[in-house]
Protein backbone atom coordinates (compact mmCIF):
# COMPACT_ATOMS: atom_id res chain seq x y z
CA MET A 1 25.78 20.08 24.56
CA ASN A 2 23.98 23.37 25.12
CA GLY A 3 20.60 21.49 25.50
CA ASN A 4 20.81 20.06 21.97
CA LEU A 5 20.93 16.42 23.29
CA LEU A 6 18.20 14.52 25.19
CA THR A 7 18.62 11.02 26.35
CA SER A 8 16.29 8.80 28.35
CA ILE A 9 16.11 5.21 29.76
CA ALA A 10 13.13 3.67 31.13
CA TYR A 11 12.52 0.16 32.72
CA PHE A 12 9.08 -1.46 32.59
CA ASP A 13 7.56 -4.39 34.34
CA ALA A 14 3.88 -5.17 33.73
CA THR A 15 1.59 -8.07 34.55
CA LEU A 16 -1.61 -8.32 32.65
CA GLU A 17 -4.74 -10.29 33.38
CA ASN A 18 -7.98 -11.22 31.44
CA GLU A 19 -6.35 -10.60 28.02
CA ILE A 20 -8.66 -11.25 25.21
CA ASN A 21 -8.36 -14.23 22.80
CA GLY A 22 -10.26 -13.26 19.60
CA PHE A 23 -10.03 -16.80 18.08
CA VAL A 24 -12.31 -18.96 20.29
CA PHE A 25 -14.78 -21.52 18.66
CA ASP A 26 -18.22 -21.20 19.94
CA SER A 27 -19.96 -24.62 19.74
CA ASN A 28 -23.50 -23.06 20.23
CA THR A 29 -23.14 -20.80 16.98
CA PHE A 30 -20.44 -22.77 15.21
CA ALA A 31 -18.55 -19.46 14.82
CA PHE A 32 -15.55 -17.93 16.29
CA THR A 33 -15.80 -15.44 19.02
CA ALA A 34 -13.56 -13.58 21.66
CA GLU A 35 -13.19 -14.48 25.34
CA ASN A 36 -10.92 -13.49 28.15
CA ILE A 37 -7.86 -15.72 28.80
CA ASP A 38 -7.28 -17.16 32.17
CA GLY A 39 -3.80 -16.62 33.67
CA GLU A 40 -1.42 -13.79 33.35
CA SER A 41 1.04 -12.41 30.84
CA LYS A 42 4.22 -10.40 31.86
CA ARG A 43 6.16 -7.95 29.97
CA GLN A 44 9.43 -6.48 31.29
CA GLY A 45 12.39 -4.75 29.61
CA PHE A 46 13.72 -1.34 29.00
CA GLU A 47 13.65 1.53 26.44
CA ALA A 48 16.46 3.83 25.44
CA GLU A 49 16.21 6.95 23.41
CA ILE A 50 18.47 9.73 22.19
CA ASP A 51 17.27 12.88 20.60
CA TRP A 52 20.06 15.05 19.06
CA ASN A 53 19.42 18.51 17.37
CA ILE A 54 22.68 18.50 15.54
CA SER A 55 21.98 21.97 13.92
CA ASP A 56 19.14 24.24 13.34
CA GLN A 57 18.37 22.25 10.14
CA PHE A 58 19.31 18.67 11.12
CA SER A 59 18.17 16.28 13.87
CA LEU A 60 18.53 12.68 14.70
CA ARG A 61 16.47 10.42 16.93
CA GLY A 62 17.34 6.85 17.95
CA SER A 63 15.36 4.35 20.04
CA TYR A 64 15.81 0.90 21.14
CA THR A 65 13.30 -1.32 23.06
CA TYR A 66 14.18 -4.65 24.64
CA THR A 67 11.00 -6.60 25.71
CA ASP A 68 10.89 -9.94 27.44
CA SER A 69 7.11 -10.99 27.11
CA THR A 70 5.69 -14.16 28.43
CA ALA A 71 2.27 -15.81 28.92
CA GLU A 72 1.09 -18.81 30.56
CA ASP A 73 0.26 -21.88 28.29
CA SER A 74 -2.58 -24.38 29.17
CA THR A 75 -0.26 -26.10 31.73
CA GLY A 76 0.51 -22.79 33.59
CA LYS A 77 4.16 -22.75 32.02
CA ASP A 78 5.53 -19.47 30.92
CA ILE A 79 6.19 -19.26 27.13
CA ASP A 80 7.14 -16.35 24.84
CA GLU A 81 4.09 -14.30 23.79
CA ILE A 82 3.24 -14.35 20.14
CA ARG A 83 3.82 -11.21 18.03
CA ARG A 84 6.04 -9.57 20.67
CA PRO A 85 9.58 -8.94 19.05
CA ARG A 86 12.36 -8.97 21.75
CA HIS A 87 14.24 -6.19 19.85
CA VAL A 88 12.83 -3.07 18.32
CA ALA A 89 14.92 -0.01 17.08
CA ALA A 90 14.48 2.99 15.01
CA LEU A 91 16.71 5.76 13.66
CA VAL A 92 14.97 8.96 12.24
CA GLY A 93 16.69 11.79 10.55
CA ASN A 94 15.11 14.97 9.75
CA TYR A 95 16.38 17.83 7.68
CA ALA A 96 14.50 21.18 7.43
CA LEU A 97 15.67 24.05 5.20
CA GLN A 98 13.46 27.05 4.68
CA LYS A 99 10.15 25.77 3.29
CA THR A 100 11.24 22.07 2.76
CA ASN A 101 11.30 19.31 5.23
CA ILE A 102 13.01 15.93 4.52
CA ASN A 103 12.51 12.95 6.91
CA MET A 104 14.03 9.53 6.65
CA SER A 105 13.31 6.67 9.10
CA ILE A 106 14.92 3.23 9.36
CA SER A 107 13.18 0.72 11.62
CA TYR A 108 14.10 -2.70 12.84
CA ASN A 109 11.73 -5.27 14.15
CA GLY A 110 13.37 -8.42 15.58
CA GLU A 111 12.21 -11.96 15.07
CA GLN A 112 8.98 -12.93 16.83
CA ASP A 113 6.82 -16.00 17.44
CA ASP A 114 3.42 -16.36 15.83
CA THR A 115 0.78 -19.20 15.41
CA PHE A 116 0.06 -20.99 12.25
CA PHE A 117 -3.29 -22.59 11.84
CA PRO A 118 -3.00 -25.28 9.16
CA PRO A 119 -6.08 -26.85 7.45
CA PHE A 120 -8.14 -29.10 9.65
CA PRO A 121 -7.43 -31.71 11.27
CA LEU A 122 -3.73 -30.71 11.63
CA PRO A 123 -3.01 -28.94 15.03
CA GLN A 124 -1.83 -25.34 15.25
CA GLU A 125 1.95 -24.80 15.19
CA GLN A 126 4.17 -22.06 16.58
CA VAL A 127 6.37 -20.41 13.85
CA THR A 128 9.13 -17.84 14.06
CA LEU A 129 8.79 -14.71 11.82
CA ASP A 130 12.01 -13.28 10.51
CA SER A 131 13.27 -9.86 11.59
CA PHE A 132 13.10 -7.06 9.13
CA VAL A 133 14.26 -3.54 8.39
CA LEU A 134 11.96 -0.89 6.86
CA VAL A 135 13.12 2.42 5.30
CA ASN A 136 10.64 5.17 4.79
CA VAL A 137 11.22 8.73 3.32
CA ALA A 138 8.88 11.84 3.40
CA ILE A 139 9.17 15.14 1.92
CA ASN A 140 7.03 18.37 2.63
CA HIS A 141 7.41 21.58 0.78
CA GLN A 142 5.42 24.63 1.86
CA LEU A 143 4.41 26.46 -1.31
CA THR A 144 2.49 29.19 0.40
CA GLU A 145 1.26 29.64 3.92
CA LYS A 146 -1.94 27.56 3.19
CA ILE A 147 -0.59 25.10 0.51
CA ALA A 148 2.00 22.33 0.88
CA LEU A 149 3.14 19.62 -1.35
CA THR A 150 3.83 16.20 0.32
CA ALA A 151 5.30 13.04 -0.96
CA ARG A 152 6.43 9.87 0.81
CA ILE A 153 7.81 6.50 0.01
CA ASP A 154 7.06 3.60 2.42
CA ASN A 155 9.16 0.53 2.46
CA LEU A 156 11.73 2.12 0.10
CA LEU A 157 13.78 -1.08 -0.19
CA ASP A 158 10.83 -3.30 -0.95
CA GLU A 159 11.32 -5.56 2.16
CA ASP A 160 9.29 -8.74 2.09
CA TYR A 161 8.24 -9.27 5.62
CA GLU A 162 5.33 -10.55 7.99
CA GLU A 163 4.04 -9.02 11.21
CA VAL A 164 1.38 -11.73 11.25
CA PHE A 165 2.07 -15.20 9.84
CA GLY A 166 0.54 -15.55 6.33
CA PHE A 167 -0.17 -11.77 5.92
CA THR A 168 2.37 -10.17 3.75
CA PRO A 169 2.10 -6.26 3.93
CA PRO A 170 2.20 -4.38 0.58
CA GLY A 171 5.82 -3.70 -0.92
CA ILE A 172 7.05 -0.42 -1.75
CA GLY A 173 4.42 2.30 -1.85
CA ALA A 174 4.63 5.86 -3.11
CA TYR A 175 2.21 8.74 -2.26
CA ALA A 176 1.97 12.23 -3.25
CA GLY A 177 -0.55 15.05 -2.30
CA VAL A 178 -1.42 18.60 -1.62
CA ARG A 179 -2.22 19.75 1.80
CA LEU A 180 -4.59 22.73 2.21
CA ALA A 181 -5.11 24.86 5.33
CA TRP A 182 -7.97 27.32 5.74
């Protein structure tokens, strides 16, 4: 396609040791601290990407990642790692015309496990966080060589989602600005 299409596929397989647990109770200080975790965690999977310059003004980029991520529990058994979605994908479109650039991205984050720490004395629980889709739009208009107007809307569809159990990110957000170069 005259060099206008780029594709890539990559396989990965990594074993990690001495990961950090940032939520360890220290009985000497009665506070929480961090320490290295015994055992290993493993991540393997593949990434695929396509980058297509459809015309001088319009381009599309799509990506997909599959990750199988496990860690050893206290008995040495492999379990799914927390906060590691198995499926992640994105589609990004960019339209550039003279002094204006419009960018739209759609990203998918698959369901993932997390840990819920209920009030004492209840034990921690494993929970599954739902998958979600985020849509973001950004516009840049170059007024002069040194002045540009920018605007963006994050989470355009006001998706209610969690990447960490109990911490809901802000909903839709709109931003505008002026960029000066000198």
